[in-house]
N, C-alpha and C. Protein backbone atom coordinates (compact mmCIF):
# COMPACT_ATOMS: atom_id res chain seq x y z
N MET A 1 0.85 -1.18 0.00
CA MET A 1 0.00 0.00 0.00
C MET A 1 0.89 1.24 0.00
N ALA A 2 0.47 2.21 -0.74
CA ALA A 2 1.25 3.44 -0.87
C ALA A 2 1.10 4.31 0.37
N ASP A 3 2.09 5.14 0.60
CA ASP A 3 2.00 6.08 1.71
C ASP A 3 1.88 7.52 1.18
N SER A 4 1.55 7.65 -0.10
CA SER A 4 1.42 8.97 -0.71
C SER A 4 0.03 9.54 -0.47
N ALA A 5 -0.08 10.85 -0.58
CA ALA A 5 -1.36 11.53 -0.40
C ALA A 5 -2.29 11.17 -1.56
N VAL A 6 -3.58 11.35 -1.33
CA VAL A 6 -4.59 11.03 -2.34
C VAL A 6 -5.55 12.21 -2.45
N THR A 7 -6.05 12.45 -3.65
CA THR A 7 -7.03 13.52 -3.86
C THR A 7 -8.42 12.91 -3.86
N VAL A 8 -9.28 13.44 -2.99
CA VAL A 8 -10.67 13.03 -2.91
C VAL A 8 -11.53 14.23 -3.24
N SER A 9 -12.81 14.01 -3.41
CA SER A 9 -13.73 15.11 -3.67
C SER A 9 -14.85 15.04 -2.64
N ILE A 10 -15.02 16.10 -1.88
CA ILE A 10 -16.09 16.17 -0.89
C ILE A 10 -17.12 17.16 -1.41
N ASP A 11 -18.27 16.62 -1.80
CA ASP A 11 -19.33 17.43 -2.41
C ASP A 11 -18.79 18.30 -3.55
N GLY A 12 -17.92 17.71 -4.37
CA GLY A 12 -17.40 18.40 -5.55
C GLY A 12 -16.16 19.25 -5.30
N VAL A 13 -15.73 19.38 -4.06
CA VAL A 13 -14.55 20.18 -3.74
C VAL A 13 -13.37 19.22 -3.52
N LYS A 14 -12.33 19.38 -4.35
CA LYS A 14 -11.16 18.50 -4.24
C LYS A 14 -10.36 18.84 -2.99
N ARG A 15 -9.86 17.76 -2.37
CA ARG A 15 -9.09 17.91 -1.14
C ARG A 15 -8.00 16.84 -1.14
N VAL A 16 -6.79 17.22 -0.77
CA VAL A 16 -5.69 16.26 -0.69
C VAL A 16 -5.61 15.75 0.74
N VAL A 17 -5.57 14.41 0.88
CA VAL A 17 -5.57 13.77 2.19
C VAL A 17 -4.34 12.89 2.29
N LYS A 18 -3.64 12.96 3.42
CA LYS A 18 -2.48 12.10 3.63
C LYS A 18 -2.94 10.65 3.77
N ALA A 19 -2.11 9.73 3.34
CA ALA A 19 -2.43 8.30 3.48
C ALA A 19 -2.68 7.99 4.95
N GLY A 20 -3.76 7.29 5.24
CA GLY A 20 -4.08 6.90 6.61
C GLY A 20 -4.85 7.92 7.41
N ASP A 21 -4.99 9.15 6.91
CA ASP A 21 -5.76 10.17 7.64
C ASP A 21 -7.25 9.83 7.63
N HIS A 22 -7.96 10.38 8.59
CA HIS A 22 -9.41 10.22 8.66
C HIS A 22 -10.08 11.46 8.09
N VAL A 23 -11.18 11.26 7.40
CA VAL A 23 -11.98 12.37 6.89
C VAL A 23 -13.34 12.25 7.55
N GLN A 24 -13.74 13.28 8.28
CA GLN A 24 -15.04 13.25 8.95
C GLN A 24 -16.02 14.09 8.15
N LEU A 25 -17.14 13.48 7.79
CA LEU A 25 -18.16 14.15 7.01
C LEU A 25 -19.29 14.61 7.91
N ALA A 26 -19.88 15.74 7.58
CA ALA A 26 -21.06 16.25 8.28
C ALA A 26 -22.29 15.55 7.69
N PRO A 27 -23.40 15.53 8.42
CA PRO A 27 -24.61 14.92 7.88
C PRO A 27 -24.95 15.49 6.50
N GLY A 28 -25.21 14.60 5.55
CA GLY A 28 -25.58 15.00 4.20
C GLY A 28 -24.41 15.16 3.25
N GLU A 29 -23.19 15.19 3.75
CA GLU A 29 -22.03 15.32 2.86
C GLU A 29 -21.71 13.99 2.20
N SER A 30 -21.03 14.07 1.07
CA SER A 30 -20.60 12.87 0.37
C SER A 30 -19.14 13.01 -0.02
N ILE A 31 -18.50 11.88 -0.21
CA ILE A 31 -17.09 11.87 -0.62
C ILE A 31 -16.96 10.95 -1.83
N THR A 32 -16.14 11.37 -2.78
CA THR A 32 -15.83 10.56 -3.95
C THR A 32 -14.38 10.15 -3.84
N LEU A 33 -14.15 8.83 -3.90
CA LEU A 33 -12.81 8.29 -3.76
C LEU A 33 -12.32 7.79 -5.11
N PRO A 34 -11.02 7.87 -5.36
CA PRO A 34 -10.50 7.32 -6.61
C PRO A 34 -10.57 5.80 -6.60
N PRO A 35 -10.59 5.17 -7.78
CA PRO A 35 -10.62 3.71 -7.84
C PRO A 35 -9.38 3.09 -7.17
N ARG A 36 -9.53 1.86 -6.73
CA ARG A 36 -8.45 1.06 -6.15
C ARG A 36 -7.89 1.66 -4.86
N LEU A 37 -8.75 2.25 -4.06
CA LEU A 37 -8.32 2.85 -2.80
C LEU A 37 -8.99 2.11 -1.64
N TYR A 38 -8.19 1.50 -0.77
CA TYR A 38 -8.75 0.86 0.42
C TYR A 38 -9.39 1.95 1.28
N HIS A 39 -10.57 1.65 1.85
CA HIS A 39 -11.27 2.63 2.67
C HIS A 39 -12.21 1.92 3.63
N LYS A 40 -12.59 2.64 4.70
CA LYS A 40 -13.56 2.17 5.70
C LYS A 40 -14.51 3.30 6.01
N PHE A 41 -15.72 2.94 6.44
CA PHE A 41 -16.71 3.92 6.89
C PHE A 41 -17.17 3.53 8.29
N TRP A 42 -17.37 4.50 9.18
CA TRP A 42 -17.93 4.22 10.50
C TRP A 42 -18.46 5.51 11.11
N GLY A 43 -19.32 5.39 12.09
CA GLY A 43 -19.84 6.54 12.81
C GLY A 43 -18.91 6.88 13.96
N VAL A 44 -18.75 8.15 14.26
CA VAL A 44 -17.84 8.58 15.31
C VAL A 44 -18.53 8.62 16.67
N GLN A 45 -19.61 9.38 16.80
CA GLN A 45 -20.28 9.50 18.10
C GLN A 45 -21.68 8.91 18.10
N GLU A 46 -22.24 8.73 16.93
CA GLU A 46 -23.61 8.22 16.83
C GLU A 46 -23.67 7.16 15.74
N ARG A 47 -24.78 6.47 15.67
CA ARG A 47 -25.00 5.55 14.57
C ARG A 47 -25.23 6.36 13.29
N VAL A 48 -24.74 5.83 12.21
CA VAL A 48 -24.90 6.52 10.93
C VAL A 48 -25.37 5.52 9.88
N LEU A 49 -25.93 6.04 8.82
CA LEU A 49 -26.27 5.24 7.66
C LEU A 49 -25.28 5.64 6.57
N ALA A 50 -24.45 4.70 6.15
CA ALA A 50 -23.46 4.97 5.11
C ALA A 50 -23.77 4.08 3.93
N GLY A 51 -23.66 4.61 2.75
CA GLY A 51 -23.88 3.84 1.55
C GLY A 51 -22.74 4.07 0.58
N GLU A 52 -22.50 3.08 -0.24
CA GLU A 52 -21.44 3.19 -1.24
C GLU A 52 -22.05 2.97 -2.61
N VAL A 53 -21.79 3.89 -3.51
CA VAL A 53 -22.32 3.81 -4.87
C VAL A 53 -21.14 3.66 -5.82
N SER A 54 -21.23 2.68 -6.70
CA SER A 54 -20.16 2.42 -7.65
C SER A 54 -20.69 2.51 -9.07
N LEU A 55 -19.77 2.51 -10.02
CA LEU A 55 -20.17 2.32 -11.41
C LEU A 55 -20.59 0.87 -11.54
N VAL A 56 -20.76 0.36 -12.74
CA VAL A 56 -21.12 -1.05 -12.91
C VAL A 56 -20.13 -1.88 -12.11
N ASN A 57 -20.64 -2.79 -11.33
CA ASN A 57 -19.81 -3.52 -10.38
C ASN A 57 -19.95 -5.03 -10.61
N ASP A 58 -18.83 -5.72 -10.66
CA ASP A 58 -18.79 -7.17 -10.73
C ASP A 58 -18.24 -7.66 -9.41
N ASP A 59 -19.10 -8.15 -8.52
CA ASP A 59 -18.67 -8.54 -7.18
C ASP A 59 -17.62 -9.64 -7.18
N GLU A 60 -17.51 -10.40 -8.27
CA GLU A 60 -16.52 -11.47 -8.32
C GLU A 60 -15.11 -10.92 -8.49
N SER A 61 -14.95 -9.77 -9.17
CA SER A 61 -13.60 -9.28 -9.46
C SER A 61 -13.35 -7.83 -9.07
N ASP A 62 -14.38 -7.05 -8.78
CA ASP A 62 -14.18 -5.62 -8.51
C ASP A 62 -13.80 -5.31 -7.06
N ASN A 63 -14.27 -6.11 -6.15
CA ASN A 63 -14.04 -5.81 -4.74
C ASN A 63 -12.82 -6.55 -4.21
N ARG A 64 -12.00 -5.84 -3.49
CA ARG A 64 -10.82 -6.43 -2.87
C ARG A 64 -10.79 -5.91 -1.44
N PHE A 65 -10.61 -6.81 -0.49
CA PHE A 65 -10.64 -6.43 0.91
C PHE A 65 -9.29 -6.67 1.55
N TYR A 66 -8.80 -5.68 2.27
CA TYR A 66 -7.51 -5.79 2.96
C TYR A 66 -7.58 -6.86 4.04
N GLU A 67 -8.66 -6.86 4.81
CA GLU A 67 -8.90 -7.88 5.82
C GLU A 67 -10.03 -8.78 5.33
N PRO A 68 -9.92 -10.10 5.51
CA PRO A 68 -10.97 -10.99 5.02
C PRO A 68 -12.33 -10.67 5.65
N VAL A 69 -13.36 -10.70 4.83
CA VAL A 69 -14.73 -10.48 5.31
C VAL A 69 -15.64 -11.52 4.67
N GLY A 70 -16.71 -11.86 5.37
CA GLY A 70 -17.73 -12.72 4.80
C GLY A 70 -18.54 -11.90 3.83
N HIS A 71 -18.34 -12.10 2.55
CA HIS A 71 -18.94 -11.19 1.56
C HIS A 71 -20.17 -11.78 0.88
N PHE A 72 -20.21 -13.08 0.65
CA PHE A 72 -21.31 -13.66 -0.09
C PHE A 72 -22.05 -14.68 0.76
N PRO A 73 -23.06 -14.26 1.49
CA PRO A 73 -23.82 -15.23 2.28
C PRO A 73 -24.65 -16.13 1.35
N GLU A 74 -24.92 -17.32 1.82
CA GLU A 74 -25.77 -18.22 1.04
C GLU A 74 -27.22 -17.76 1.20
N ILE A 75 -27.88 -17.58 0.09
CA ILE A 75 -29.28 -17.14 0.10
C ILE A 75 -30.10 -18.14 -0.70
N GLU A 76 -31.15 -18.63 -0.10
CA GLU A 76 -32.07 -19.51 -0.82
C GLU A 76 -33.15 -18.62 -1.43
N GLU A 77 -33.07 -18.45 -2.74
CA GLU A 77 -34.00 -17.57 -3.44
C GLU A 77 -35.38 -18.23 -3.52
N ASP A 78 -36.42 -17.47 -3.23
CA ASP A 78 -37.77 -17.99 -3.35
C ASP A 78 -38.61 -17.16 -4.32
N GLU A 79 -37.96 -16.19 -4.97
CA GLU A 79 -38.62 -15.36 -5.97
C GLU A 79 -37.64 -15.14 -7.12
N PRO A 80 -38.12 -15.00 -8.35
CA PRO A 80 -37.19 -14.67 -9.44
C PRO A 80 -36.66 -13.25 -9.25
N PRO A 81 -35.46 -12.97 -9.72
CA PRO A 81 -34.89 -11.63 -9.52
C PRO A 81 -35.64 -10.58 -10.34
N LEU A 82 -35.77 -9.40 -9.76
CA LEU A 82 -36.35 -8.27 -10.47
C LEU A 82 -35.29 -7.64 -11.37
N HIS A 83 -34.05 -7.53 -10.86
CA HIS A 83 -32.91 -6.99 -11.60
C HIS A 83 -31.74 -7.94 -11.41
N LEU A 84 -31.01 -8.20 -12.47
CA LEU A 84 -29.87 -9.11 -12.39
C LEU A 84 -28.61 -8.39 -11.97
N LEU A 85 -27.78 -9.07 -11.18
CA LEU A 85 -26.44 -8.62 -10.89
C LEU A 85 -25.53 -9.13 -11.99
N VAL A 86 -24.35 -8.56 -12.13
CA VAL A 86 -23.43 -9.00 -13.16
C VAL A 86 -23.20 -10.51 -13.07
N THR A 87 -23.05 -11.01 -11.86
CA THR A 87 -22.77 -12.44 -11.67
C THR A 87 -23.99 -13.33 -11.93
N ASP A 88 -25.18 -12.76 -12.09
CA ASP A 88 -26.39 -13.54 -12.35
C ASP A 88 -26.58 -13.91 -13.82
N TYR A 89 -25.98 -13.14 -14.73
CA TYR A 89 -26.26 -13.33 -16.15
C TYR A 89 -26.02 -14.75 -16.65
N PRO A 90 -24.91 -15.41 -16.28
CA PRO A 90 -24.73 -16.79 -16.78
C PRO A 90 -25.83 -17.75 -16.34
N LYS A 91 -26.49 -17.48 -15.23
CA LYS A 91 -27.56 -18.35 -14.75
C LYS A 91 -28.83 -18.19 -15.58
N PHE A 92 -29.02 -17.02 -16.19
CA PHE A 92 -30.28 -16.71 -16.86
C PHE A 92 -30.16 -16.57 -18.38
N TYR A 93 -28.94 -16.42 -18.90
CA TYR A 93 -28.74 -16.27 -20.34
C TYR A 93 -27.71 -17.26 -20.82
N LYS A 94 -28.10 -18.08 -21.78
CA LYS A 94 -27.26 -19.19 -22.26
C LYS A 94 -25.89 -18.72 -22.75
N TYR A 95 -25.81 -17.58 -23.44
CA TYR A 95 -24.56 -17.14 -24.06
C TYR A 95 -23.80 -16.12 -23.23
N ALA A 96 -24.20 -15.92 -22.00
CA ALA A 96 -23.47 -14.96 -21.15
C ALA A 96 -22.09 -15.52 -20.83
N LYS A 97 -21.12 -14.64 -20.77
CA LYS A 97 -19.74 -15.01 -20.48
C LYS A 97 -19.65 -15.59 -19.07
N GLN A 98 -18.95 -16.70 -18.92
CA GLN A 98 -18.79 -17.33 -17.60
C GLN A 98 -17.38 -17.25 -17.13
């Protein structure tokens, strides 16, 4: 992992952050991180709701975790999917890349 500074965008305003520094966001603020950057989210004094939005995402190859995490729980589906994930296409389309 690099120890160089990284440029992030907080609500459209670019900011340079040292490697390993913490960035605290106010309620309603958002941060845009460059690709391939390890990161964590947590609440400081209260519970928070944090969400992560990506471009098209392939969970089999796009996500990399520094510390091992249980990422894919076993789910017994009882309804057909409304929207397919990238990894679902081979199950539903004969010619989808596997």
